[in-house]
Amino acid sequence: KVRLNALKPGTTIINASRGDVIDNSALLDLMEAGADLDLVLDVWENEPNILTDLLAHVRYASVHIAGHTLEGKARGTQMLYQKLCELKGVEASKSLTDFLPVPAITQVAIAESFTEQDIARLVHTIYDVRRDDGILLRHLESDGFDSLRKNYPVRREFSTLTVKGDGSQLAALGQLGFKLTN
């Protein structure tokens, strides 16, 4: 609670970690007292029994979807496959791409005039957190937290999209995980 109270007004808190790292009750108390914080929460204390009153103060909320991309699931499958091949003494002949369908969009070219707003649009093309927020808010009460996570819609990773260009924003896209090419 002491650390939360020390945050400066206008601070954005993004919790996409693992486990109970933020005291949700203390955060709720702070928000109800009028704290000027911007909250983006993917991890909640006591999952799946989250503090639903906190949702009213969160800009974007999701049901802890880290690793729920198609690529993340395929990587897990590939790791199991490689270990099984190792245990059986056979050479692994499949790669991650053998387990995945081709994405709907594989490459885009950007102009030098590409802006930060364009970055947001490109990010939303691959993953739009607003969708997850809407799903959680509409279906939490009827379906439950665990059900929402277990039935999470398919989504792809930024790395499935190659961005071609030489604009100043290209580095930022690379930092987000997009593949880059000139």
Protein backbone atom coordinates (compact mmCIF):
# COMPACT_ATOMS: atom_id res chain seq x y z
CA LYS A 1 0.00 0.00 0.00
CA VAL A 2 2.90 2.34 0.75
CA ARG A 3 4.30 1.95 -2.78
CA LEU A 4 0.90 2.50 -4.37
CA ASN A 5 0.38 5.68 -2.34
CA ALA A 6 3.78 6.96 -3.51
CA LEU A 7 2.80 6.84 -7.20
CA LYS A 8 2.61 10.18 -8.97
CA PRO A 9 -0.70 11.31 -10.46
CA GLY A 10 -1.08 10.20 -14.06
CA THR A 11 1.00 7.07 -13.56
CA THR A 12 0.01 4.07 -15.66
CA ILE A 13 0.14 0.71 -13.92
CA ILE A 14 0.37 -2.29 -16.24
CA ASN A 15 0.23 -5.65 -14.50
CA ALA A 16 0.93 -8.43 -16.98
CA SER A 17 3.21 -10.44 -14.70
CA ARG A 18 2.55 -13.68 -12.90
CA GLY A 19 1.03 -14.10 -9.49
CA ASP A 20 -0.19 -11.68 -6.86
CA VAL A 21 2.18 -8.73 -7.23
CA ILE A 22 -0.28 -5.90 -6.60
CA ASP A 23 -2.54 -5.73 -3.58
CA ASN A 24 -5.86 -5.38 -5.41
CA SER A 25 -7.75 -4.27 -2.28
CA ALA A 26 -5.22 -1.52 -1.63
CA LEU A 27 -5.42 -0.50 -5.28
CA LEU A 28 -9.22 -0.36 -5.10
CA ASP A 29 -9.07 1.76 -1.92
CA LEU A 30 -6.67 4.15 -3.62
CA MET A 31 -8.83 4.46 -6.73
CA GLU A 32 -11.99 4.98 -4.69
CA ALA A 33 -10.16 7.74 -2.80
CA GLY A 34 -9.71 9.53 -6.13
CA ALA A 35 -6.19 8.53 -7.18
CA ASP A 36 -5.27 9.66 -10.68
CA LEU A 37 -3.87 6.36 -11.99
CA ASP A 38 -4.37 4.61 -15.30
CA LEU A 39 -4.80 0.85 -14.76
CA VAL A 40 -4.24 -1.95 -17.25
CA LEU A 41 -4.60 -5.33 -15.55
CA ASP A 42 -4.04 -8.78 -16.99
CA VAL A 43 -3.15 -10.38 -13.64
CA TRP A 44 -5.39 -10.37 -10.62
CA GLU A 45 -5.07 -11.44 -7.02
CA ASN A 46 -6.93 -14.63 -6.15
CA GLU A 47 -7.64 -15.68 -9.75
CA PRO A 48 -10.21 -16.86 -10.68
CA ASN A 49 -12.02 -15.06 -7.83
CA ILE A 50 -11.00 -11.54 -8.73
CA LEU A 51 -11.99 -8.33 -7.00
CA THR A 52 -14.67 -7.33 -9.50
CA ASP A 53 -15.21 -3.89 -7.90
CA LEU A 54 -11.76 -2.94 -9.23
CA LEU A 55 -12.97 -3.39 -12.83
CA ALA A 56 -14.78 -0.03 -12.69
CA HIS A 57 -11.39 1.69 -12.31
CA VAL A 58 -9.43 -0.24 -14.95
CA ARG A 59 -8.91 1.15 -18.46
CA TYR A 60 -8.21 -2.29 -19.94
CA ALA A 61 -8.77 -5.63 -18.25
CA SER A 62 -8.12 -9.16 -19.44
CA VAL A 63 -8.15 -12.67 -18.03
CA HIS A 64 -4.39 -13.26 -17.86
CA ILE A 65 -3.95 -14.25 -21.47
CA ALA A 66 -0.15 -14.37 -21.63
CA GLY A 67 0.87 -17.41 -23.66
CA HIS A 68 -2.58 -17.76 -25.23
CA THR A 69 -1.40 -16.86 -28.70
CA LEU A 70 -1.47 -19.52 -31.38
CA GLU A 71 2.33 -19.29 -31.53
CA GLY A 72 2.65 -19.70 -27.76
CA LYS A 73 0.53 -22.83 -27.79
CA ALA A 74 2.42 -24.19 -30.81
CA ARG A 75 5.75 -23.55 -29.05
CA GLY A 76 4.53 -25.67 -26.16
CA THR A 77 3.54 -28.40 -28.61
CA GLN A 78 6.92 -28.14 -30.33
CA MET A 79 8.76 -28.45 -27.01
CA LEU A 80 6.80 -31.60 -26.15
CA TYR A 81 7.41 -33.00 -29.64
CA GLN A 82 11.18 -32.34 -29.42
CA LYS A 83 11.40 -33.94 -25.97
CA LEU A 84 9.45 -36.98 -27.15
CA CYS A 85 11.76 -37.34 -30.17
CA GLU A 86 14.76 -37.06 -27.85
CA LEU A 87 13.37 -39.75 -25.52
CA LYS A 88 12.58 -42.05 -28.47
CA GLY A 89 16.01 -41.45 -29.99
CA VAL A 90 14.65 -40.11 -33.27
CA GLU A 91 15.48 -36.88 -35.04
CA ALA A 92 12.86 -34.15 -34.82
CA SER A 93 11.77 -33.42 -38.37
CA LYS A 94 9.09 -30.78 -37.72
CA SER A 95 9.49 -27.12 -36.89
CA LEU A 96 7.21 -24.55 -35.30
CA THR A 97 6.00 -23.33 -38.69
CA ASP A 98 4.79 -26.86 -39.50
CA PHE A 99 2.27 -26.55 -36.67
CA LEU A 100 0.85 -23.14 -37.64
CA PRO A 101 -1.47 -21.87 -40.36
CA VAL A 102 -0.29 -18.93 -42.45
CA PRO A 103 -1.51 -15.67 -40.87
CA ALA A 104 -4.15 -13.66 -42.72
CA ILE A 105 -1.65 -10.79 -43.05
CA THR A 106 2.04 -11.63 -43.35
CA GLN A 107 3.68 -8.40 -44.49
CA VAL A 108 3.03 -4.67 -44.60
CA ALA A 109 5.07 -1.82 -45.99
CA ILE A 110 5.18 1.46 -44.13
CA ALA A 111 6.00 4.94 -45.38
CA GLU A 112 8.51 7.26 -43.76
CA SER A 113 5.55 9.35 -42.60
CA PHE A 114 4.34 6.45 -40.41
CA THR A 115 3.31 7.96 -37.04
CA GLU A 116 2.75 6.75 -33.48
CA GLN A 117 -0.99 6.65 -34.25
CA ASP A 118 -0.21 4.37 -37.19
CA ILE A 119 1.76 2.12 -34.82
CA ALA A 120 -1.35 1.82 -32.65
CA ARG A 121 -3.44 0.89 -35.68
CA LEU A 122 -0.89 -1.73 -36.74
CA VAL A 123 -0.76 -3.18 -33.23
CA HIS A 124 -4.55 -3.39 -33.16
CA THR A 125 -4.46 -5.26 -36.46
CA ILE A 126 -2.68 -8.13 -34.69
CA TYR A 127 -3.92 -7.71 -31.13
CA ASP A 128 -6.53 -5.32 -29.80
CA VAL A 129 -6.68 -5.36 -26.00
CA ARG A 130 -10.02 -3.54 -26.22
CA ARG A 131 -11.56 -6.80 -27.48
CA ASP A 132 -10.34 -8.69 -24.41
CA ASP A 133 -11.57 -5.92 -22.14
CA GLY A 134 -15.02 -6.05 -23.73
CA ILE A 135 -15.20 -9.84 -23.49
CA LEU A 136 -14.26 -9.75 -19.81
CA LEU A 137 -16.73 -7.02 -18.90
CA ARG A 138 -19.61 -8.59 -20.86
CA HIS A 139 -19.12 -12.22 -19.87
CA LEU A 140 -17.36 -12.38 -16.49
CA GLU A 141 -20.56 -12.68 -14.45
CA SER A 142 -22.27 -15.22 -16.71
CA ASP A 143 -19.30 -17.34 -17.83
CA GLY A 144 -16.76 -16.90 -15.04
CA PHE A 145 -13.07 -15.99 -15.14
CA ASP A 146 -11.73 -19.50 -15.78
CA SER A 147 -14.23 -20.15 -18.55
CA LEU A 148 -13.21 -16.94 -20.30
CA ARG A 149 -9.56 -17.97 -20.13
CA LYS A 150 -10.23 -21.54 -21.28
CA ASN A 151 -12.33 -20.32 -24.22
CA TYR A 152 -10.06 -17.46 -25.21
CA PRO A 153 -10.34 -16.61 -28.94
CA VAL A 154 -7.41 -17.39 -31.21
CA ARG A 155 -4.94 -14.56 -31.66
CA ARG A 156 -1.52 -14.25 -33.27
CA GLU A 157 1.75 -12.69 -32.11
CA PHE A 158 3.28 -9.53 -33.53
CA SER A 159 6.16 -11.67 -34.81
CA THR A 160 3.83 -13.14 -37.45
CA LEU A 161 3.85 -9.82 -39.30
CA THR A 162 6.87 -8.57 -41.25
CA VAL A 163 7.04 -4.80 -41.50
CA LYS A 164 8.93 -3.41 -44.48
CA GLY A 165 10.21 0.15 -44.50
CA ASP A 166 12.84 2.56 -43.34
CA GLY A 167 10.83 5.08 -41.35
CA SER A 168 11.87 6.34 -37.95
CA GLN A 169 9.08 4.30 -36.31
CA LEU A 170 10.52 0.99 -37.56
CA ALA A 171 12.70 0.51 -34.46
CA ALA A 172 9.66 0.89 -32.18
CA LEU A 173 7.84 -1.81 -34.12
CA GLY A 174 10.85 -4.11 -33.73
CA GLN A 175 10.83 -3.51 -29.98
CA LEU A 176 7.19 -4.61 -29.92
CA GLY A 177 8.15 -7.89 -31.60
CA PHE A 178 7.28 -7.30 -35.24
CA LYS A 179 9.71 -8.75 -37.80
CA LEU A 180 11.49 -6.00 -39.71
CA THR A 181 12.89 -5.81 -43.22
CA ASN A 182 14.08 -3.05 -45.58
